[in-house]
Amino acid sequence: MSELRTRWRLLPAADRRWLVEAWPQCAPGGPAIPEVPAPERRRLDLWITRDPLFAPAH
């Protein structure tokens, strides 16, 4: 989680938008890392299967 926040600006805009929509607590300015709940599993799985990097392995 800390790496995600640290490298937030390096993420493609589409990925940042998806994260803010699907898992807003993970974004910079969100709650302390230990308090961030896990993302909704179904949405995360859908994102992974659509991503060209992960889809072939998933």
C-alpha atoms as a PDB file:
ATOM      1  CA  MET A   1       0.000   0.000   0.000  1.00  0.00           C
ATOM      2  CA  SER A   2       2.747   2.461   0.838  1.00  0.00           C
ATOM      3  CA  GLU A   3       4.371   1.808  -2.560  1.00  0.00           C
ATOM      4  CA  LEU A   4       1.076   2.458  -4.300  1.00  0.00           C
ATOM      5  CA  ARG A   5       0.743   5.815  -2.568  1.00  0.00           C
ATOM      6  CA  THR A   6       4.395   6.696  -3.081  1.00  0.00           C
ATOM      7  CA  ARG A   7       4.204   5.985  -6.813  1.00  0.00           C
ATOM      8  CA  TRP A   8       0.677   7.282  -7.340  1.00  0.00           C
ATOM      9  CA  ARG A   9       1.757   9.948  -9.858  1.00  0.00           C
ATOM     10  CA  LEU A  10       3.546   7.295 -11.943  1.00  0.00           C
ATOM     11  CA  LEU A  11       0.368   5.279 -12.478  1.00  0.00           C
ATOM     12  CA  PRO A  12      -1.483   5.800 -15.754  1.00  0.00           C
ATOM     13  CA  ALA A  13      -4.438   8.154 -15.394  1.00  0.00           C
ATOM     14  CA  ALA A  14      -6.911   5.353 -16.172  1.00  0.00           C
ATOM     15  CA  ASP A  15      -5.512   3.251 -13.338  1.00  0.00           C
ATOM     16  CA  ARG A  16      -5.702   6.147 -10.885  1.00  0.00           C
ATOM     17  CA  ARG A  17      -9.327   6.786 -11.878  1.00  0.00           C
ATOM     18  CA  TRP A  18     -10.199   3.125 -11.415  1.00  0.00           C
ATOM     19  CA  LEU A  19      -8.536   3.009  -8.010  1.00  0.00           C
ATOM     20  CA  VAL A  20     -10.267   6.181  -6.816  1.00  0.00           C
ATOM     21  CA  GLU A  21     -13.610   4.764  -7.945  1.00  0.00           C
ATOM     22  CA  ALA A  22     -13.189   1.168  -6.762  1.00  0.00           C
ATOM     23  CA  TRP A  23     -10.880   1.539  -3.770  1.00  0.00           C
ATOM     24  CA  PRO A  24     -10.846   5.212  -2.715  1.00  0.00           C
ATOM     25  CA  GLN A  25      -9.218   4.563   0.659  1.00  0.00           C
ATOM     26  CA  CYS A  26      -5.965   3.494  -1.048  1.00  0.00           C
ATOM     27  CA  ALA A  27      -5.372   6.883  -2.660  1.00  0.00           C
ATOM     28  CA  PRO A  28      -2.994   9.459  -1.198  1.00  0.00           C
ATOM     29  CA  GLY A  29      -4.768  11.362   1.532  1.00  0.00           C
ATOM     30  CA  GLY A  30      -6.727   8.266   2.548  1.00  0.00           C
ATOM     31  CA  PRO A  31      -6.725   6.774   6.012  1.00  0.00           C
ATOM     32  CA  ALA A  32      -3.596   5.392   7.644  1.00  0.00           C
ATOM     33  CA  ILE A  33      -2.427   2.264   5.835  1.00  0.00           C
ATOM     34  CA  PRO A  34      -3.373  -0.186   8.619  1.00  0.00           C
ATOM     35  CA  GLU A  35      -6.930   1.187   8.450  1.00  0.00           C
ATOM     36  CA  VAL A  36      -7.399   0.765   4.683  1.00  0.00           C
ATOM     37  CA  PRO A  37      -9.810  -2.097   4.004  1.00  0.00           C
ATOM     38  CA  ALA A  38      -9.112  -4.598   1.254  1.00  0.00           C
ATOM     39  CA  PRO A  39     -10.611  -3.743  -2.135  1.00  0.00           C
ATOM     40  CA  GLU A  40     -13.788  -5.424  -3.261  1.00  0.00           C
ATOM     41  CA  ARG A  41     -12.515  -8.766  -4.597  1.00  0.00           C
ATOM     42  CA  ARG A  42     -14.898  -8.976  -7.559  1.00  0.00           C
ATOM     43  CA  ARG A  43     -13.923  -5.572  -8.916  1.00  0.00           C
ATOM     44  CA  LEU A  44     -10.255  -6.305  -8.460  1.00  0.00           C
ATOM     45  CA  ASP A  45     -10.582  -9.614 -10.323  1.00  0.00           C
ATOM     46  CA  LEU A  46     -12.389  -7.917 -13.207  1.00  0.00           C
ATOM     47  CA  TRP A  47      -9.675  -5.272 -13.472  1.00  0.00           C
ATOM     48  CA  ILE A  48      -6.924  -7.880 -13.471  1.00  0.00           C
ATOM     49  CA  THR A  49      -8.573  -9.957 -16.198  1.00  0.00           C
ATOM     50  CA  ARG A  50      -8.926  -6.889 -18.426  1.00  0.00           C
ATOM     51  CA  ASP A  51      -5.368  -5.616 -17.939  1.00  0.00           C
ATOM     52  CA  PRO A  52      -3.105  -6.696 -20.820  1.00  0.00           C
ATOM     53  CA  LEU A  53      -0.256  -7.347 -18.400  1.00  0.00           C
ATOM     54  CA  PHE A  54      -2.173  -9.718 -16.121  1.00  0.00           C
ATOM     55  CA  ALA A  55      -4.935 -11.180 -18.303  1.00  0.00           C
ATOM     56  CA  PRO A  56      -2.806 -13.922 -19.941  1.00  0.00           C
ATOM     57  CA  ALA A  57      -1.724 -15.256 -16.548  1.00  0.00           C
ATOM     58  CA  HIS A  58      -5.085 -14.949 -14.845  1.00  0.00           C
END
